[in-house]
């Protein structure tokens, strides 16, 4: 009887340069990246499950700086509605992006369970944020909008329809692109 001998293994492992030239290496990387993307997409869908769609509810009130903020059906431009918290670590990544968006687009932000108006204003000053903020200290606004995971971002078109929802980390260019798409 003859026994099959295992193929000899190389005496030393492949160098990085050799691995980078290997199609098998790239197929494994593509597989792993695809699995990671699917898992992240599933988590994103789960976090967005309560976020409302359709016609945007009324949103307005006195901002922490004393100005009047209103999201209404008679608006003429797309609006980014941003639910966030001073306590939220992911919001610390997203808020600077929202600040840059607020330079060119209408933004209404809602600080959820973040303290008094003066505490929120102090936080805004410390981080040099200038976007308008409504205080949602009792959570009624975030509950009405279905914002249960933070940050929660809604893109509202000029007709008052919620066109896009996002929860968690996003990018500046992604928000700008969605704001641009609402014009069509």
C-alpha atoms as a PDB file:
ATOM      1  CA  UNK A   1       0.000   0.000   0.000  1.00  0.00           C
ATOM      2  CA  UNK A   2       1.176   3.427  -0.748  1.00  0.00           C
ATOM      3  CA  UNK A   3       0.434   6.234   1.551  1.00  0.00           C
ATOM      4  CA  UNK A   4      -0.064   9.775   0.379  1.00  0.00           C
ATOM      5  CA  UNK A   5       2.643  11.991   1.678  1.00  0.00           C
ATOM      6  CA  UNK A   6       1.710  15.516   2.586  1.00  0.00           C
ATOM      7  CA  UNK A   7       3.245  18.131   0.377  1.00  0.00           C
ATOM      8  CA  UNK A   8       6.335  19.635   1.894  1.00  0.00           C
ATOM      9  CA  UNK A   9       5.853  22.991   3.568  1.00  0.00           C
ATOM     10  CA  UNK A  10       8.180  25.818   2.730  1.00  0.00           C
ATOM     11  CA  UNK A  11      11.100  26.108   5.071  1.00  0.00           C
ATOM     12  CA  UNK A  12      10.230  29.728   5.914  1.00  0.00           C
ATOM     13  CA  UNK A  13       6.990  31.677   5.834  1.00  0.00           C
ATOM     14  CA  UNK A  14       6.177  33.909   2.898  1.00  0.00           C
ATOM     15  CA  UNK A  15       7.383  37.493   3.099  1.00  0.00           C
ATOM     16  CA  UNK A  16       4.857  40.334   3.065  1.00  0.00           C
ATOM     17  CA  UNK A  17       5.860  41.155  -0.471  1.00  0.00           C
ATOM     18  CA  UNK A  18       5.075  37.589  -1.565  1.00  0.00           C
ATOM     19  CA  UNK A  19       1.769  37.626   0.332  1.00  0.00           C
ATOM     20  CA  UNK A  20       0.729  40.874  -1.348  1.00  0.00           C
ATOM     21  CA  UNK A  21       1.298  39.272  -4.752  1.00  0.00           C
ATOM     22  CA  UNK A  22      -0.825  36.257  -3.886  1.00  0.00           C
ATOM     23  CA  UNK A  23      -4.427  36.200  -5.209  1.00  0.00           C
ATOM     24  CA  UNK A  24      -5.345  33.947  -2.273  1.00  0.00           C
ATOM     25  CA  UNK A  25      -4.289  36.661   0.189  1.00  0.00           C
ATOM     26  CA  UNK A  26      -6.513  39.235  -1.531  1.00  0.00           C
ATOM     27  CA  UNK A  27      -9.474  36.864  -1.704  1.00  0.00           C
ATOM     28  CA  UNK A  28      -9.239  36.314   2.072  1.00  0.00           C
ATOM     29  CA  UNK A  29      -9.057  40.069   2.654  1.00  0.00           C
ATOM     30  CA  UNK A  30     -12.091  40.635   0.428  1.00  0.00           C
ATOM     31  CA  UNK A  31     -14.015  37.899   2.236  1.00  0.00           C
ATOM     32  CA  UNK A  32     -13.204  39.336   5.665  1.00  0.00           C
ATOM     33  CA  UNK A  33     -14.059  42.883   4.566  1.00  0.00           C
ATOM     34  CA  UNK A  34     -17.380  41.707   3.105  1.00  0.00           C
ATOM     35  CA  UNK A  35     -18.316  39.910   6.329  1.00  0.00           C
ATOM     36  CA  UNK A  36     -17.412  43.000   8.368  1.00  0.00           C
ATOM     37  CA  UNK A  37     -19.470  45.243   6.072  1.00  0.00           C
ATOM     38  CA  UNK A  38     -22.507  42.968   6.361  1.00  0.00           C
ATOM     39  CA  UNK A  39     -22.247  42.863  10.160  1.00  0.00           C
ATOM     40  CA  UNK A  40     -21.939  46.661  10.372  1.00  0.00           C
ATOM     41  CA  UNK A  41     -24.876  47.092   7.978  1.00  0.00           C
ATOM     42  CA  UNK A  42     -26.978  44.758  10.140  1.00  0.00           C
ATOM     43  CA  UNK A  43     -26.080  46.705  13.280  1.00  0.00           C
ATOM     44  CA  UNK A  44     -26.957  49.946  11.501  1.00  0.00           C
ATOM     45  CA  UNK A  45     -30.365  48.615  10.474  1.00  0.00           C
ATOM     46  CA  UNK A  46     -31.007  47.455  14.027  1.00  0.00           C
ATOM     47  CA  UNK A  47     -30.116  50.871  15.480  1.00  0.00           C
ATOM     48  CA  UNK A  48     -32.385  52.625  12.952  1.00  0.00           C
ATOM     49  CA  UNK A  49     -35.412  50.377  13.522  1.00  0.00           C
ATOM     50  CA  UNK A  50     -37.336  52.957  15.601  1.00  0.00           C
ATOM     51  CA  UNK A  51     -36.445  56.038  13.545  1.00  0.00           C
ATOM     52  CA  UNK A  52     -39.519  57.515  11.906  1.00  0.00           C
ATOM     53  CA  UNK A  53     -39.951  58.082   8.182  1.00  0.00           C
ATOM     54  CA  UNK A  54     -42.489  59.973   6.091  1.00  0.00           C
ATOM     55  CA  UNK A  55     -43.624  63.477   6.964  1.00  0.00           C
ATOM     56  CA  UNK A  56     -41.391  65.071   9.602  1.00  0.00           C
ATOM     57  CA  UNK A  57     -43.162  65.901  12.872  1.00  0.00           C
ATOM     58  CA  UNK A  58     -43.270  69.466  14.081  1.00  0.00           C
ATOM     59  CA  UNK A  59     -39.993  70.408  15.700  1.00  0.00           C
ATOM     60  CA  UNK A  60     -39.359  73.757  17.257  1.00  0.00           C
ATOM     61  CA  UNK A  61     -38.977  75.815  20.347  1.00  0.00           C
ATOM     62  CA  UNK A  62     -36.618  78.170  22.079  1.00  0.00           C
ATOM     63  CA  UNK A  63     -32.991  77.224  21.493  1.00  0.00           C
ATOM     64  CA  UNK A  64     -30.453  77.296  24.314  1.00  0.00           C
ATOM     65  CA  UNK A  65     -29.228  80.678  23.013  1.00  0.00           C
ATOM     66  CA  UNK A  66     -32.748  82.144  23.227  1.00  0.00           C
ATOM     67  CA  UNK A  67     -33.487  82.126  19.483  1.00  0.00           C
ATOM     68  CA  UNK A  68     -36.626  80.569  18.003  1.00  0.00           C
ATOM     69  CA  UNK A  69     -36.069  77.354  16.009  1.00  0.00           C
ATOM     70  CA  UNK A  70     -38.697  75.814  13.758  1.00  0.00           C
ATOM     71  CA  UNK A  71     -38.826  72.986  11.273  1.00  0.00           C
ATOM     72  CA  UNK A  72     -41.948  73.501   9.216  1.00  0.00           C
ATOM     73  CA  UNK A  73     -43.533  72.399   5.956  1.00  0.00           C
ATOM     74  CA  UNK A  74     -42.921  75.809   4.369  1.00  0.00           C
ATOM     75  CA  UNK A  75     -39.142  75.464   4.448  1.00  0.00           C
ATOM     76  CA  UNK A  76     -37.272  76.110   1.217  1.00  0.00           C
ATOM     77  CA  UNK A  77     -34.078  74.153   1.787  1.00  0.00           C
ATOM     78  CA  UNK A  78     -33.044  70.703   3.002  1.00  0.00           C
ATOM     79  CA  UNK A  79     -32.511  70.469   6.752  1.00  0.00           C
ATOM     80  CA  UNK A  80     -30.347  68.204   8.866  1.00  0.00           C
ATOM     81  CA  UNK A  81     -31.981  67.285  12.193  1.00  0.00           C
ATOM     82  CA  UNK A  82     -29.364  65.982  14.628  1.00  0.00           C
ATOM     83  CA  UNK A  83     -30.218  64.224  17.920  1.00  0.00           C
ATOM     84  CA  UNK A  84     -27.160  63.952  20.144  1.00  0.00           C
ATOM     85  CA  UNK A  85     -25.929  64.090  23.736  1.00  0.00           C
ATOM     86  CA  UNK A  86     -22.996  65.628  25.566  1.00  0.00           C
ATOM     87  CA  UNK A  87     -22.541  62.208  27.220  1.00  0.00           C
ATOM     88  CA  UNK A  88     -22.375  60.317  23.883  1.00  0.00           C
ATOM     89  CA  UNK A  89     -18.864  59.214  22.776  1.00  0.00           C
ATOM     90  CA  UNK A  90     -19.905  58.699  19.136  1.00  0.00           C
ATOM     91  CA  UNK A  91     -21.454  62.189  19.108  1.00  0.00           C
ATOM     92  CA  UNK A  92     -18.005  63.577  19.917  1.00  0.00           C
ATOM     93  CA  UNK A  93     -16.893  62.249  16.538  1.00  0.00           C
ATOM     94  CA  UNK A  94     -20.026  63.332  14.648  1.00  0.00           C
ATOM     95  CA  UNK A  95     -20.584  66.807  16.144  1.00  0.00           C
ATOM     96  CA  UNK A  96     -17.540  68.427  14.468  1.00  0.00           C
ATOM     97  CA  UNK A  97     -18.884  67.148  11.145  1.00  0.00           C
ATOM     98  CA  UNK A  98     -22.321  68.601  11.894  1.00  0.00           C
ATOM     99  CA  UNK A  99     -20.595  71.883  12.759  1.00  0.00           C
ATOM    100  CA  UNK A 100     -18.998  71.974   9.301  1.00  0.00           C
ATOM    101  CA  UNK A 101     -22.334  71.083   7.652  1.00  0.00           C
ATOM    102  CA  UNK A 102     -24.033  73.939   9.530  1.00  0.00           C
ATOM    103  CA  UNK A 103     -21.826  76.442   7.683  1.00  0.00           C
ATOM    104  CA  UNK A 104     -23.648  75.711   4.397  1.00  0.00           C
ATOM    105  CA  UNK A 105     -26.933  73.997   5.342  1.00  0.00           C
ATOM    106  CA  UNK A 106     -29.782  74.433   7.778  1.00  0.00           C
ATOM    107  CA  UNK A 107     -29.218  72.355  10.923  1.00  0.00           C
ATOM    108  CA  UNK A 108     -31.489  71.872  13.913  1.00  0.00           C
ATOM    109  CA  UNK A 109     -29.897  69.872  16.700  1.00  0.00           C
ATOM    110  CA  UNK A 110     -31.530  68.378  19.755  1.00  0.00           C
ATOM    111  CA  UNK A 111     -29.400  67.698  22.838  1.00  0.00           C
ATOM    112  CA  UNK A 112     -30.915  64.696  24.633  1.00  0.00           C
ATOM    113  CA  UNK A 113     -30.548  64.275  28.419  1.00  0.00           C
ATOM    114  CA  UNK A 114     -27.582  66.627  28.444  1.00  0.00           C
ATOM    115  CA  UNK A 115     -28.374  68.908  31.365  1.00  0.00           C
ATOM    116  CA  UNK A 116     -29.562  72.486  31.606  1.00  0.00           C
ATOM    117  CA  UNK A 117     -29.371  75.057  28.823  1.00  0.00           C
ATOM    118  CA  UNK A 118     -26.331  76.651  30.480  1.00  0.00           C
ATOM    119  CA  UNK A 119     -24.554  73.272  30.789  1.00  0.00           C
ATOM    120  CA  UNK A 120     -25.169  72.525  27.114  1.00  0.00           C
ATOM    121  CA  UNK A 121     -24.033  76.037  26.145  1.00  0.00           C
ATOM    122  CA  UNK A 122     -20.832  75.559  28.157  1.00  0.00           C
ATOM    123  CA  UNK A 123     -20.228  72.266  26.283  1.00  0.00           C
ATOM    124  CA  UNK A 124     -20.879  74.021  22.950  1.00  0.00           C
ATOM    125  CA  UNK A 125     -18.450  76.824  23.860  1.00  0.00           C
ATOM    126  CA  UNK A 126     -15.742  74.385  25.003  1.00  0.00           C
ATOM    127  CA  UNK A 127     -15.918  72.542  21.681  1.00  0.00           C
ATOM    128  CA  UNK A 128     -16.474  75.670  19.554  1.00  0.00           C
ATOM    129  CA  UNK A 129     -19.781  74.438  18.123  1.00  0.00           C
ATOM    130  CA  UNK A 130     -22.189  77.023  16.758  1.00  0.00           C
ATOM    131  CA  UNK A 131     -25.076  74.965  15.374  1.00  0.00           C
ATOM    132  CA  UNK A 132     -28.470  75.697  16.954  1.00  0.00           C
ATOM    133  CA  UNK A 133     -29.553  73.452  19.833  1.00  0.00           C
ATOM    134  CA  UNK A 134     -32.912  72.585  21.367  1.00  0.00           C
ATOM    135  CA  UNK A 135     -32.725  71.042  24.837  1.00  0.00           C
ATOM    136  CA  UNK A 136     -34.600  67.738  25.127  1.00  0.00           C
ATOM    137  CA  UNK A 137     -34.102  67.248  28.845  1.00  0.00           C
ATOM    138  CA  UNK A 138     -37.257  65.131  29.236  1.00  0.00           C
ATOM    139  CA  UNK A 139     -36.725  62.999  26.090  1.00  0.00           C
ATOM    140  CA  UNK A 140     -40.115  63.817  24.524  1.00  0.00           C
ATOM    141  CA  UNK A 141     -38.691  65.093  21.239  1.00  0.00           C
ATOM    142  CA  UNK A 142     -36.328  62.158  20.743  1.00  0.00           C
ATOM    143  CA  UNK A 143     -39.134  59.699  21.554  1.00  0.00           C
ATOM    144  CA  UNK A 144     -41.490  61.435  19.095  1.00  0.00           C
ATOM    145  CA  UNK A 145     -38.880  61.091  16.348  1.00  0.00           C
ATOM    146  CA  UNK A 146     -37.894  57.533  17.297  1.00  0.00           C
ATOM    147  CA  UNK A 147     -34.322  58.549  18.065  1.00  0.00           C
ATOM    148  CA  UNK A 148     -33.278  55.799  20.473  1.00  0.00           C
ATOM    149  CA  UNK A 149     -29.624  55.313  19.432  1.00  0.00           C
ATOM    150  CA  UNK A 150     -27.334  58.318  19.269  1.00  0.00           C
ATOM    151  CA  UNK A 151     -26.359  60.196  17.289  1.00  0.00           C
ATOM    152  CA  UNK A 152     -29.502  60.065  15.160  1.00  0.00           C
ATOM    153  CA  UNK A 153     -29.545  62.094  11.962  1.00  0.00           C
ATOM    154  CA  UNK A 154     -32.542  62.890   9.791  1.00  0.00           C
ATOM    155  CA  UNK A 155     -32.309  64.595   6.410  1.00  0.00           C
ATOM    156  CA  UNK A 156     -35.519  66.514   5.664  1.00  0.00           C
ATOM    157  CA  UNK A 157     -36.310  67.623   2.107  1.00  0.00           C
ATOM    158  CA  UNK A 158     -37.834  71.050   1.261  1.00  0.00           C
ATOM    159  CA  UNK A 159     -41.342  69.492   1.306  1.00  0.00           C
ATOM    160  CA  UNK A 160     -40.924  68.360   4.923  1.00  0.00           C
ATOM    161  CA  UNK A 161     -40.439  64.647   4.131  1.00  0.00           C
ATOM    162  CA  UNK A 162     -37.797  62.621   5.939  1.00  0.00           C
ATOM    163  CA  UNK A 163     -35.655  61.366   3.075  1.00  0.00           C
ATOM    164  CA  UNK A 164     -32.726  59.772   4.932  1.00  0.00           C
ATOM    165  CA  UNK A 165     -32.073  58.490   8.447  1.00  0.00           C
ATOM    166  CA  UNK A 166     -28.758  57.518   9.988  1.00  0.00           C
ATOM    167  CA  UNK A 167     -27.789  56.366  13.440  1.00  0.00           C
ATOM    168  CA  UNK A 168     -24.231  56.148  14.682  1.00  0.00           C
ATOM    169  CA  UNK A 169     -21.078  57.268  12.955  1.00  0.00           C
ATOM    170  CA  UNK A 170     -21.355  58.920   9.574  1.00  0.00           C
ATOM    171  CA  UNK A 171     -19.168  61.175   7.455  1.00  0.00           C
ATOM    172  CA  UNK A 172     -19.279  64.808   6.381  1.00  0.00           C
ATOM    173  CA  UNK A 173     -19.326  63.904   2.720  1.00  0.00           C
ATOM    174  CA  UNK A 174     -22.096  61.365   3.346  1.00  0.00           C
ATOM    175  CA  UNK A 175     -24.284  63.988   5.043  1.00  0.00           C
ATOM    176  CA  UNK A 176     -23.534  66.559   2.315  1.00  0.00           C
ATOM    177  CA  UNK A 177     -24.341  64.034  -0.400  1.00  0.00           C
ATOM    178  CA  UNK A 178     -27.690  63.142   1.197  1.00  0.00           C
ATOM    179  CA  UNK A 179     -28.543  66.831   1.659  1.00  0.00           C
ATOM    180  CA  UNK A 180     -27.724  67.393  -2.019  1.00  0.00           C
ATOM    181  CA  UNK A 181     -29.888  64.411  -3.082  1.00  0.00           C
ATOM    182  CA  UNK A 182     -32.951  65.868  -1.319  1.00  0.00           C
ATOM    183  CA  UNK A 183     -33.092  68.612  -3.910  1.00  0.00           C
ATOM    184  CA  UNK A 184     -34.248  66.155  -6.580  1.00  0.00           C
END
